Every structure is written in C-alpha cells, then in structure tokens.
Amino acid sequence: MNLEYRLPNGQKVKFLDDQKTYLGNQLESEFGSERCFGIVANMDFIMICTYEKDGADPELLLYKKR
C-alpha cells in the first residue's frame, strides 16, 4: 500500500512509514474497471487511492489529516 504517488509538480512521494501499522482495505471497482481502491488510516489521517494490478499507476484521491 505504500506506493509512490506523483504530485502535480512531477515529484514522486510515499506517504506511509514502513515501520508503522495502519488499518486498510482494498476494494475492487464495480464499474468494470481494472483499477482497485485502497483505503488506509490511522489515528492521524485517512488516505484513499486508486491503482491497477500490482500497484501500477497509483493515483492519490484523498489524504486528510485530523
């Protein structure tokens, strides 16, 4: 789930810390798409993203801090 996301300025960043534990789930699209939705959260934030098989072409949809 800790994928690199491209920012509008072209820079790629990871938002998660590999040493921490998060709650998360993956949902397959119901619209016939090959993309999945990923939801990750802890007590400080929630993150929602979409990506293709094996995490290819990730897109950050929401990153909201408390």
PDB file of N, CA and C in Angstrom:
ATOM      1  N   MET A   1       0.814  -1.193   0.000  1.00  0.00           N
ATOM      2  CA  MET A   1       0.000   0.000   0.000  1.00  0.00           C
ATOM      3  C   MET A   1       0.857   1.255   0.000  1.00  0.00           C
ATOM      4  N   ASN A   2       2.093   1.146   0.425  1.00  0.00           N
ATOM      5  CA  ASN A   2       2.957   2.325   0.464  1.00  0.00           C
ATOM      6  C   ASN A   2       3.562   2.569  -0.913  1.00  0.00           C
ATOM      7  N   LEU A   3       2.729   3.043  -1.806  1.00  0.00           N
ATOM      8  CA  LEU A   3       3.125   3.277  -3.190  1.00  0.00           C
ATOM      9  C   LEU A   3       3.656   4.697  -3.352  1.00  0.00           C
ATOM     10  N   GLU A   4       4.401   4.922  -4.422  1.00  0.00           N
ATOM     11  CA  GLU A   4       4.861   6.272  -4.748  1.00  0.00           C
ATOM     12  C   GLU A   4       3.799   6.964  -5.593  1.00  0.00           C
ATOM     13  N   TYR A   5       3.371   8.137  -5.144  1.00  0.00           N
ATOM     14  CA  TYR A   5       2.349   8.902  -5.847  1.00  0.00           C
ATOM     15  C   TYR A   5       2.986  10.128  -6.478  1.00  0.00           C
ATOM     16  N   ARG A   6       2.604  10.414  -7.718  1.00  0.00           N
ATOM     17  CA  ARG A   6       3.148  11.579  -8.422  1.00  0.00           C
ATOM     18  C   ARG A   6       2.350  12.825  -8.028  1.00  0.00           C
ATOM     19  N   LEU A   7       3.061  13.843  -7.573  1.00  0.00           N
ATOM     20  CA  LEU A   7       2.453  15.119  -7.222  1.00  0.00           C
ATOM     21  C   LEU A   7       2.301  15.979  -8.480  1.00  0.00           C
ATOM     22  N   PRO A   8       1.482  17.035  -8.415  1.00  0.00           N
ATOM     23  CA  PRO A   8       1.293  17.896  -9.587  1.00  0.00           C
ATOM     24  C   PRO A   8       2.602  18.476 -10.145  1.00  0.00           C
ATOM     25  N   ASN A   9       3.629  18.645  -9.289  1.00  0.00           N
ATOM     26  CA  ASN A   9       4.906  19.188  -9.760  1.00  0.00           C
ATOM     27  C   ASN A   9       5.810  18.116 -10.370  1.00  0.00           C
ATOM     28  N   GLY A  10       5.323  16.861 -10.442  1.00  0.00           N
ATOM     29  CA  GLY A  10       6.081  15.771 -11.042  1.00  0.00           C
ATOM     30  C   GLY A  10       6.882  14.945 -10.057  1.00  0.00           C
ATOM     31  N   GLN A  11       7.051  15.438  -8.837  1.00  0.00           N
ATOM     32  CA  GLN A  11       7.799  14.715  -7.811  1.00  0.00           C
ATOM     33  C   GLN A  11       7.005  13.491  -7.352  1.00  0.00           C
ATOM     34  N   LYS A  12       7.710  12.381  -7.057  1.00  0.00           N
ATOM     35  CA  LYS A  12       7.070  11.179  -6.528  1.00  0.00           C
ATOM     36  C   LYS A  12       7.353  11.082  -5.035  1.00  0.00           C
ATOM     37  N   VAL A  13       6.303  10.794  -4.244  1.00  0.00           N
ATOM     38  CA  VAL A  13       6.455  10.698  -2.790  1.00  0.00           C
ATOM     39  C   VAL A  13       5.671   9.512  -2.245  1.00  0.00           C
ATOM     40  N   LYS A  14       6.136   9.004  -1.101  1.00  0.00           N
ATOM     41  CA  LYS A  14       5.413   7.998  -0.330  1.00  0.00           C
ATOM     42  C   LYS A  14       4.860   8.691   0.911  1.00  0.00           C
ATOM     43  N   PHE A  15       3.643   8.349   1.302  1.00  0.00           N
ATOM     44  CA  PHE A  15       3.002   8.990   2.436  1.00  0.00           C
ATOM     45  C   PHE A  15       3.041   8.144   3.707  1.00  0.00           C
ATOM     46  N   LEU A  16       3.349   6.866   3.587  1.00  0.00           N
ATOM     47  CA  LEU A  16       3.310   5.975   4.741  1.00  0.00           C
ATOM     48  C   LEU A  16       4.707   5.662   5.249  1.00  0.00           C
ATOM     49  N   ASP A  17       4.780   5.339   6.532  1.00  0.00           N
ATOM     50  CA  ASP A  17       6.025   4.936   7.180  1.00  0.00           C
ATOM     51  C   ASP A  17       6.030   3.411   7.244  1.00  0.00           C
ATOM     52  N   ASP A  18       7.019   2.779   6.638  1.00  0.00           N
ATOM     53  CA  ASP A  18       7.085   1.315   6.596  1.00  0.00           C
ATOM     54  C   ASP A  18       7.203   0.686   7.982  1.00  0.00           C
ATOM     55  N   GLN A  19       7.569   1.454   8.995  1.00  0.00           N
ATOM     56  CA  GLN A  19       7.751   0.922  10.345  1.00  0.00           C
ATOM     57  C   GLN A  19       6.486   1.030  11.197  1.00  0.00           C
ATOM     58  N   LYS A  20       5.430   1.647  10.683  1.00  0.00           N
ATOM     59  CA  LYS A  20       4.186   1.822  11.442  1.00  0.00           C
ATOM     60  C   LYS A  20       3.116   0.850  10.966  1.00  0.00           C
ATOM     61  N   THR A  21       2.089   0.682  11.796  1.00  0.00           N
ATOM     62  CA  THR A  21       0.957  -0.185  11.482  1.00  0.00           C
ATOM     63  C   THR A  21      -0.252   0.688  11.140  1.00  0.00           C
ATOM     64  N   TYR A  22      -0.969   0.292  10.092  1.00  0.00           N
ATOM     65  CA  TYR A  22      -2.137   1.034   9.630  1.00  0.00           C
ATOM     66  C   TYR A  22      -3.314   0.079   9.454  1.00  0.00           C
ATOM     67  N   LEU A  23      -4.520   0.620   9.500  1.00  0.00           N
ATOM     68  CA  LEU A  23      -5.714  -0.129   9.133  1.00  0.00           C
ATOM     69  C   LEU A  23      -5.969   0.142   7.659  1.00  0.00           C
ATOM     70  N   GLY A  24      -6.333  -0.885   6.912  1.00  0.00           N
ATOM     71  CA  GLY A  24      -6.554  -0.660   5.493  1.00  0.00           C
ATOM     72  C   GLY A  24      -7.385  -1.745   4.846  1.00  0.00           C
ATOM     73  N   ASN A  25      -7.833  -1.451   3.638  1.00  0.00           N
ATOM     74  CA  ASN A  25      -8.616  -2.406   2.868  1.00  0.00           C
ATOM     75  C   ASN A  25      -8.469  -2.071   1.385  1.00  0.00           C
ATOM     76  N   GLN A  26      -8.716  -3.066   0.562  1.00  0.00           N
ATOM     77  CA  GLN A  26      -8.694  -2.897  -0.891  1.00  0.00           C
ATOM     78  C   GLN A  26     -10.055  -3.287  -1.436  1.00  0.00           C
ATOM     79  N   LEU A  27     -10.601  -2.447  -2.293  1.00  0.00           N
ATOM     80  CA  LEU A  27     -11.910  -2.696  -2.895  1.00  0.00           C
ATOM     81  C   LEU A  27     -11.774  -2.720  -4.403  1.00  0.00           C
ATOM     82  N   GLU A  28     -12.341  -3.726  -5.034  1.00  0.00           N
ATOM     83  CA  GLU A  28     -12.337  -3.783  -6.494  1.00  0.00           C
ATOM     84  C   GLU A  28     -13.432  -2.870  -7.029  1.00  0.00           C
ATOM     85  N   SER A  29     -13.179  -2.257  -8.160  1.00  0.00           N
ATOM     86  CA  SER A  29     -14.151  -1.363  -8.779  1.00  0.00           C
ATOM     87  C   SER A  29     -15.360  -2.153  -9.261  1.00  0.00           C
ATOM     88  N   GLU A  30     -16.551  -1.596  -9.062  1.00  0.00           N
ATOM     89  CA  GLU A  30     -17.786  -2.223  -9.538  1.00  0.00           C
ATOM     90  C   GLU A  30     -18.184  -1.697 -10.914  1.00  0.00           C
ATOM     91  N   PHE A  31     -17.344  -0.880 -11.521  1.00  0.00           N
ATOM     92  CA  PHE A  31     -17.675  -0.250 -12.796  1.00  0.00           C
ATOM     93  C   PHE A  31     -16.979  -0.916 -13.966  1.00  0.00           C
ATOM     94  N   GLY A  32     -16.502  -2.146 -13.787  1.00  0.00           N
ATOM     95  CA  GLY A  32     -15.859  -2.875 -14.861  1.00  0.00           C
ATOM     96  C   GLY A  32     -14.435  -2.448 -15.131  1.00  0.00           C
ATOM     97  N   SER A  33     -13.889  -1.636 -14.273  1.00  0.00           N
ATOM     98  CA  SER A  33     -12.529  -1.141 -14.443  1.00  0.00           C
ATOM     99  C   SER A  33     -11.526  -2.130 -13.859  1.00  0.00           C
ATOM    100  N   GLU A  34     -10.297  -2.060 -14.332  1.00  0.00           N
ATOM    101  CA  GLU A  34      -9.214  -2.890 -13.805  1.00  0.00           C
ATOM    102  C   GLU A  34      -8.614  -2.279 -12.540  1.00  0.00           C
ATOM    103  N   ARG A  35      -9.061  -1.105 -12.154  1.00  0.00           N
ATOM    104  CA  ARG A  35      -8.484  -0.402 -11.012  1.00  0.00           C
ATOM    105  C   ARG A  35      -9.122  -0.848  -9.708  1.00  0.00           C
ATOM    106  N   CYS A  36      -8.344  -0.751  -8.640  1.00  0.00           N
ATOM    107  CA  CYS A  36      -8.815  -1.028  -7.285  1.00  0.00           C
ATOM    108  C   CYS A  36      -8.734   0.259  -6.476  1.00  0.00           C
ATOM    109  N   PHE A  37      -9.496   0.304  -5.396  1.00  0.00           N
ATOM    110  CA  PHE A  37      -9.431   1.413  -4.456  1.00  0.00           C
ATOM    111  C   PHE A  37      -8.752   0.919  -3.195  1.00  0.00           C
ATOM    112  N   GLY A  38      -7.843   1.703  -2.676  1.00  0.00           N
ATOM    113  CA  GLY A  38      -7.179   1.391  -1.422  1.00  0.00           C
ATOM    114  C   GLY A  38      -7.549   2.428  -0.385  1.00  0.00           C
ATOM    115  N   ILE A  39      -7.840   1.957   0.825  1.00  0.00           N
ATOM    116  CA  ILE A  39      -8.184   2.848   1.928  1.00  0.00           C
ATOM    117  C   ILE A  39      -7.248   2.513   3.079  1.00  0.00           C
ATOM    118  N   VAL A  40      -6.536   3.512   3.581  1.00  0.00           N
ATOM    119  CA  VAL A  40      -5.584   3.325   4.671  1.00  0.00           C
ATOM    120  C   VAL A  40      -5.810   4.438   5.687  1.00  0.00           C
ATOM    121  N   ALA A  41      -5.738   4.082   6.981  1.00  0.00           N
ATOM    122  CA  ALA A  41      -5.930   5.096   8.016  1.00  0.00           C
ATOM    123  C   ALA A  41      -5.201   4.704   9.291  1.00  0.00           C
ATOM    124  N   ASN A  42      -4.946   5.708  10.108  1.00  0.00           N
ATOM    125  CA  ASN A  42      -4.554   5.508  11.496  1.00  0.00           C
ATOM    126  C   ASN A  42      -5.219   6.634  12.281  1.00  0.00           C
ATOM    127  N   MET A  43      -4.780   6.896  13.477  1.00  0.00           N
ATOM    128  CA  MET A  43      -5.431   7.919  14.299  1.00  0.00           C
ATOM    129  C   MET A  43      -5.166   9.338  13.792  1.00  0.00           C
ATOM    130  N   ASP A  44      -4.224   9.494  12.872  1.00  0.00           N
ATOM    131  CA  ASP A  44      -3.838  10.825  12.417  1.00  0.00           C
ATOM    132  C   ASP A  44      -4.365  11.214  11.042  1.00  0.00           C
ATOM    133  N   PHE A  45      -4.731  10.254  10.200  1.00  0.00           N
ATOM    134  CA  PHE A  45      -5.125  10.582   8.833  1.00  0.00           C
ATOM    135  C   PHE A  45      -5.933   9.450   8.206  1.00  0.00           C
ATOM    136  N   ILE A  46      -6.549   9.769   7.061  1.00  0.00           N
ATOM    137  CA  ILE A  46      -7.150   8.765   6.185  1.00  0.00           C
ATOM    138  C   ILE A  46      -6.642   9.052   4.772  1.00  0.00           C
ATOM    139  N   MET A  47      -6.350   7.994   4.037  1.00  0.00           N
ATOM    140  CA  MET A  47      -5.856   8.127   2.669  1.00  0.00           C
ATOM    141  C   MET A  47      -6.665   7.195   1.775  1.00  0.00           C
ATOM    142  N   ILE A  48      -7.127   7.707   0.650  1.00  0.00           N
ATOM    143  CA  ILE A  48      -7.853   6.912  -0.334  1.00  0.00           C
ATOM    144  C   ILE A  48      -7.143   7.074  -1.672  1.00  0.00           C
ATOM    145  N   CYS A  49      -6.888   5.955  -2.315  1.00  0.00           N
ATOM    146  CA  CYS A  49      -6.174   5.983  -3.591  1.00  0.00           C
ATOM    147  C   CYS A  49      -6.774   4.949  -4.534  1.00  0.00           C
ATOM    148  N   THR A  50      -6.337   4.995  -5.766  1.00  0.00           N
ATOM    149  CA  THR A  50      -6.734   4.010  -6.758  1.00  0.00           C
ATOM    150  C   THR A  50      -5.479   3.579  -7.508  1.00  0.00           C
ATOM    151  N   TYR A  51      -5.472   2.334  -7.954  1.00  0.00           N
ATOM    152  CA  TYR A  51      -4.296   1.791  -8.638  1.00  0.00           C
ATOM    153  C   TYR A  51      -4.703   0.577  -9.444  1.00  0.00           C
ATOM    154  N   GLU A  52      -3.818   0.172 -10.350  1.00  0.00           N
ATOM    155  CA  GLU A  52      -4.051  -1.006 -11.180  1.00  0.00           C
ATOM    156  C   GLU A  52      -3.413  -2.229 -10.528  1.00  0.00           C
ATOM    157  N   LYS A  53      -3.451  -3.346 -11.225  1.00  0.00           N
ATOM    158  CA  LYS A  53      -2.906  -4.603 -10.719  1.00  0.00           C
ATOM    159  C   LYS A  53      -1.468  -4.418 -10.238  1.00  0.00           C
ATOM    160  N   ASP A  54      -1.158  -5.019  -9.110  1.00  0.00           N
ATOM    161  CA  ASP A  54       0.172  -4.980  -8.501  1.00  0.00           C
ATOM    162  C   ASP A  54       0.629  -3.563  -8.165  1.00  0.00           C
ATOM    163  N   GLY A  55      -0.311  -2.655  -7.936  1.00  0.00           N
ATOM    164  CA  GLY A  55       0.028  -1.292  -7.531  1.00  0.00           C
ATOM    165  C   GLY A  55       0.502  -0.380  -8.648  1.00  0.00           C
ATOM    166  N   ALA A  56       0.299  -0.792  -9.885  1.00  0.00           N
ATOM    167  CA  ALA A  56       0.753   0.024 -11.020  1.00  0.00           C
ATOM    168  C   ALA A  56      -0.098   1.282 -11.170  1.00  0.00           C
ATOM    169  N   ASP A  57       0.509   2.352 -11.633  1.00  0.00           N
ATOM    170  CA  ASP A  57      -0.163   3.615 -11.950  1.00  0.00           C
ATOM    171  C   ASP A  57      -1.038   4.125 -10.793  1.00  0.00           C
ATOM    172  N   PRO A  58      -0.472   4.298  -9.587  1.00  0.00           N
ATOM    173  CA  PRO A  58      -1.277   4.758  -8.455  1.00  0.00           C
ATOM    174  C   PRO A  58      -1.691   6.219  -8.587  1.00  0.00           C
ATOM    175  N   GLU A  59      -2.866   6.529  -8.065  1.00  0.00           N
ATOM    176  CA  GLU A  59      -3.370   7.903  -8.059  1.00  0.00           C
ATOM    177  C   GLU A  59      -3.945   8.196  -6.682  1.00  0.00           C
ATOM    178  N   LEU A  60      -3.466   9.234  -6.051  1.00  0.00           N
ATOM    179  CA  LEU A  60      -3.952   9.643  -4.742  1.00  0.00           C
ATOM    180  C   LEU A  60      -5.250  10.422  -4.914  1.00  0.00           C
ATOM    181  N   LEU A  61      -6.318   9.973  -4.260  1.00  0.00           N
ATOM    182  CA  LEU A  61      -7.607  10.653  -4.354  1.00  0.00           C
ATOM    183  C   LEU A  61      -7.844  11.571  -3.167  1.00  0.00           C
ATOM    184  N   LEU A  62      -7.422  11.125  -1.962  1.00  0.00           N
ATOM    185  CA  LEU A  62      -7.660  11.911  -0.755  1.00  0.00           C
ATOM    186  C   LEU A  62      -6.595  11.595   0.282  1.00  0.00           C
ATOM    187  N   TYR A  63      -6.053  12.624   0.896  1.00  0.00           N
ATOM    188  CA  TYR A  63      -5.184  12.478   2.062  1.00  0.00           C
ATOM    189  C   TYR A  63      -5.633  13.550   3.033  1.00  0.00           C
ATOM    190  N   LYS A  64      -6.287  13.143   4.117  1.00  0.00           N
ATOM    191  CA  LYS A  64      -6.896  14.090   5.053  1.00  0.00           C
ATOM    192  C   LYS A  64      -6.354  13.844   6.447  1.00  0.00           C
ATOM    193  N   LYS A  65      -5.710  14.861   7.026  1.00  0.00           N
ATOM    194  CA  LYS A  65      -5.226  14.775   8.404  1.00  0.00           C
ATOM    195  C   LYS A  65      -6.333  15.185   9.353  1.00  0.00           C
ATOM    196  N   ARG A  66      -6.233  14.706  10.575  1.00  0.00           N
ATOM    197  CA  ARG A  66      -7.202  15.081  11.606  1.00  0.00           C
ATOM    198  C   ARG A  66      -7.059  16.513  11.994  1.00  0.00           C
TER     199      ARG A  66
END
